[in-house]
Amino acid sequence: MYYCSSAEGEKLVKSVEDTMEKIKRIGPNPIMAEKVSQKTS
């Protein structure tokens, strides 16, 4: 969890970048992928 005040724009950008990197490393949610494939079948 990050705390960024309105005066900490650079800190906000860094926290968003860090979070996006983590999400990309984790990859897609396998449960959601399964649900999507069931709907299209």
N, C-alpha and C. Protein backbone atom coordinates (compact mmCIF):
# COMPACT_ATOMS: atom_id res chain seq x y z
N MET A 1 0.84 -1.15 0.00
CA MET A 1 0.00 0.00 0.00
C MET A 1 0.90 1.23 0.00
N TYR A 2 0.49 2.21 -0.75
CA TYR A 2 1.26 3.44 -0.86
C TYR A 2 0.43 4.61 -0.35
N TYR A 3 1.10 5.58 0.24
CA TYR A 3 0.45 6.83 0.62
C TYR A 3 1.13 7.94 -0.17
N CYS A 4 0.34 8.70 -0.90
CA CYS A 4 0.86 9.82 -1.66
C CYS A 4 -0.04 11.02 -1.44
N SER A 5 0.54 12.11 -0.98
CA SER A 5 -0.25 13.33 -0.82
C SER A 5 -0.34 14.04 -2.17
N SER A 6 -1.11 15.10 -2.22
CA SER A 6 -1.29 15.83 -3.48
C SER A 6 0.00 16.49 -3.95
N ALA A 7 0.96 16.66 -3.07
CA ALA A 7 2.23 17.29 -3.44
C ALA A 7 3.28 16.28 -3.88
N GLU A 8 2.95 15.01 -3.92
CA GLU A 8 3.94 13.97 -4.21
C GLU A 8 3.65 13.27 -5.54
N GLY A 9 3.61 14.06 -6.60
CA GLY A 9 3.32 13.50 -7.92
C GLY A 9 4.32 12.45 -8.37
N GLU A 10 5.60 12.71 -8.14
CA GLU A 10 6.63 11.75 -8.55
C GLU A 10 6.49 10.44 -7.79
N LYS A 11 6.16 10.54 -6.52
CA LYS A 11 5.97 9.33 -5.71
C LYS A 11 4.77 8.53 -6.22
N LEU A 12 3.71 9.23 -6.63
CA LEU A 12 2.54 8.56 -7.19
C LEU A 12 2.90 7.81 -8.47
N VAL A 13 3.64 8.47 -9.34
CA VAL A 13 4.05 7.83 -10.60
C VAL A 13 4.88 6.58 -10.31
N LYS A 14 5.81 6.67 -9.38
CA LYS A 14 6.66 5.52 -9.03
C LYS A 14 5.82 4.38 -8.46
N SER A 15 4.84 4.70 -7.62
CA SER A 15 4.01 3.65 -7.03
C SER A 15 3.15 2.97 -8.10
N VAL A 16 2.65 3.74 -9.06
CA VAL A 16 1.86 3.15 -10.15
C VAL A 16 2.75 2.26 -11.01
N GLU A 17 3.95 2.73 -11.33
CA GLU A 17 4.88 1.92 -12.13
C GLU A 17 5.23 0.62 -11.41
N ASP A 18 5.52 0.69 -10.12
CA ASP A 18 5.83 -0.51 -9.34
C ASP A 18 4.67 -1.50 -9.35
N THR A 19 3.47 -0.98 -9.16
CA THR A 19 2.28 -1.84 -9.15
C THR A 19 2.07 -2.49 -10.51
N MET A 20 2.24 -1.74 -11.58
CA MET A 20 2.07 -2.30 -12.92
C MET A 20 3.10 -3.39 -13.20
N GLU A 21 4.33 -3.20 -12.75
CA GLU A 21 5.35 -4.24 -12.92
C GLU A 21 4.95 -5.52 -12.21
N LYS A 22 4.45 -5.39 -10.99
CA LYS A 22 4.01 -6.57 -10.23
C LYS A 22 2.87 -7.28 -10.94
N ILE A 23 1.93 -6.53 -11.46
CA ILE A 23 0.78 -7.13 -12.17
C ILE A 23 1.25 -7.86 -13.41
N LYS A 24 2.17 -7.26 -14.16
CA LYS A 24 2.70 -7.91 -15.37
C LYS A 24 3.43 -9.20 -15.03
N ARG A 25 4.20 -9.20 -13.92
CA ARG A 25 4.92 -10.41 -13.51
C ARG A 25 3.97 -11.53 -13.11
N ILE A 26 2.89 -11.16 -12.42
CA ILE A 26 1.92 -12.16 -11.96
C ILE A 26 1.20 -12.78 -13.15
N GLY A 27 0.84 -11.95 -14.13
CA GLY A 27 0.15 -12.44 -15.31
C GLY A 27 -1.35 -12.45 -15.12
N PRO A 28 -2.07 -12.94 -16.13
CA PRO A 28 -3.53 -12.94 -16.08
C PRO A 28 -4.07 -13.87 -15.00
N ASN A 29 -5.25 -13.57 -14.55
CA ASN A 29 -5.94 -14.37 -13.54
C ASN A 29 -6.41 -15.67 -14.20
N PRO A 30 -5.91 -16.83 -13.78
CA PRO A 30 -6.29 -18.09 -14.42
C PRO A 30 -7.78 -18.42 -14.24
N ILE A 31 -8.38 -17.98 -13.17
CA ILE A 31 -9.81 -18.24 -12.95
C ILE A 31 -10.63 -17.48 -13.97
N MET A 32 -10.27 -16.23 -14.22
CA MET A 32 -11.02 -15.44 -15.20
C MET A 32 -10.82 -16.00 -16.61
N ALA A 33 -9.62 -16.46 -16.92
CA ALA A 33 -9.37 -17.05 -18.23
C ALA A 33 -10.24 -18.28 -18.44
N GLU A 34 -10.41 -19.07 -17.39
CA GLU A 34 -11.25 -20.26 -17.46
C GLU A 34 -12.70 -19.87 -17.70
N LYS A 35 -13.19 -18.85 -17.02
CA LYS A 35 -14.57 -18.40 -17.20
C LYS A 35 -14.80 -17.90 -18.62
N VAL A 36 -13.85 -17.16 -19.16
CA VAL A 36 -13.98 -16.63 -20.52
C VAL A 36 -14.02 -17.78 -21.51
N SER A 37 -13.16 -18.79 -21.34
CA SER A 37 -13.14 -19.91 -22.27
C SER A 37 -14.43 -20.73 -22.18
N GLN A 38 -15.04 -20.80 -21.02
CA GLN A 38 -16.31 -21.51 -20.87
C GLN A 38 -17.43 -20.78 -21.58
N LYS A 39 -17.41 -19.45 -21.55
CA LYS A 39 -18.46 -18.66 -22.20
C LYS A 39 -18.37 -18.76 -23.71
N THR A 40 -17.17 -18.87 -24.25
CA THR A 40 -17.00 -18.92 -25.70
C THR A 40 -17.17 -20.33 -26.25
N SER A 41 -17.23 -21.32 -25.41
CA SER A 41 -17.37 -22.72 -25.86
C SER A 41 -18.81 -23.07 -26.11
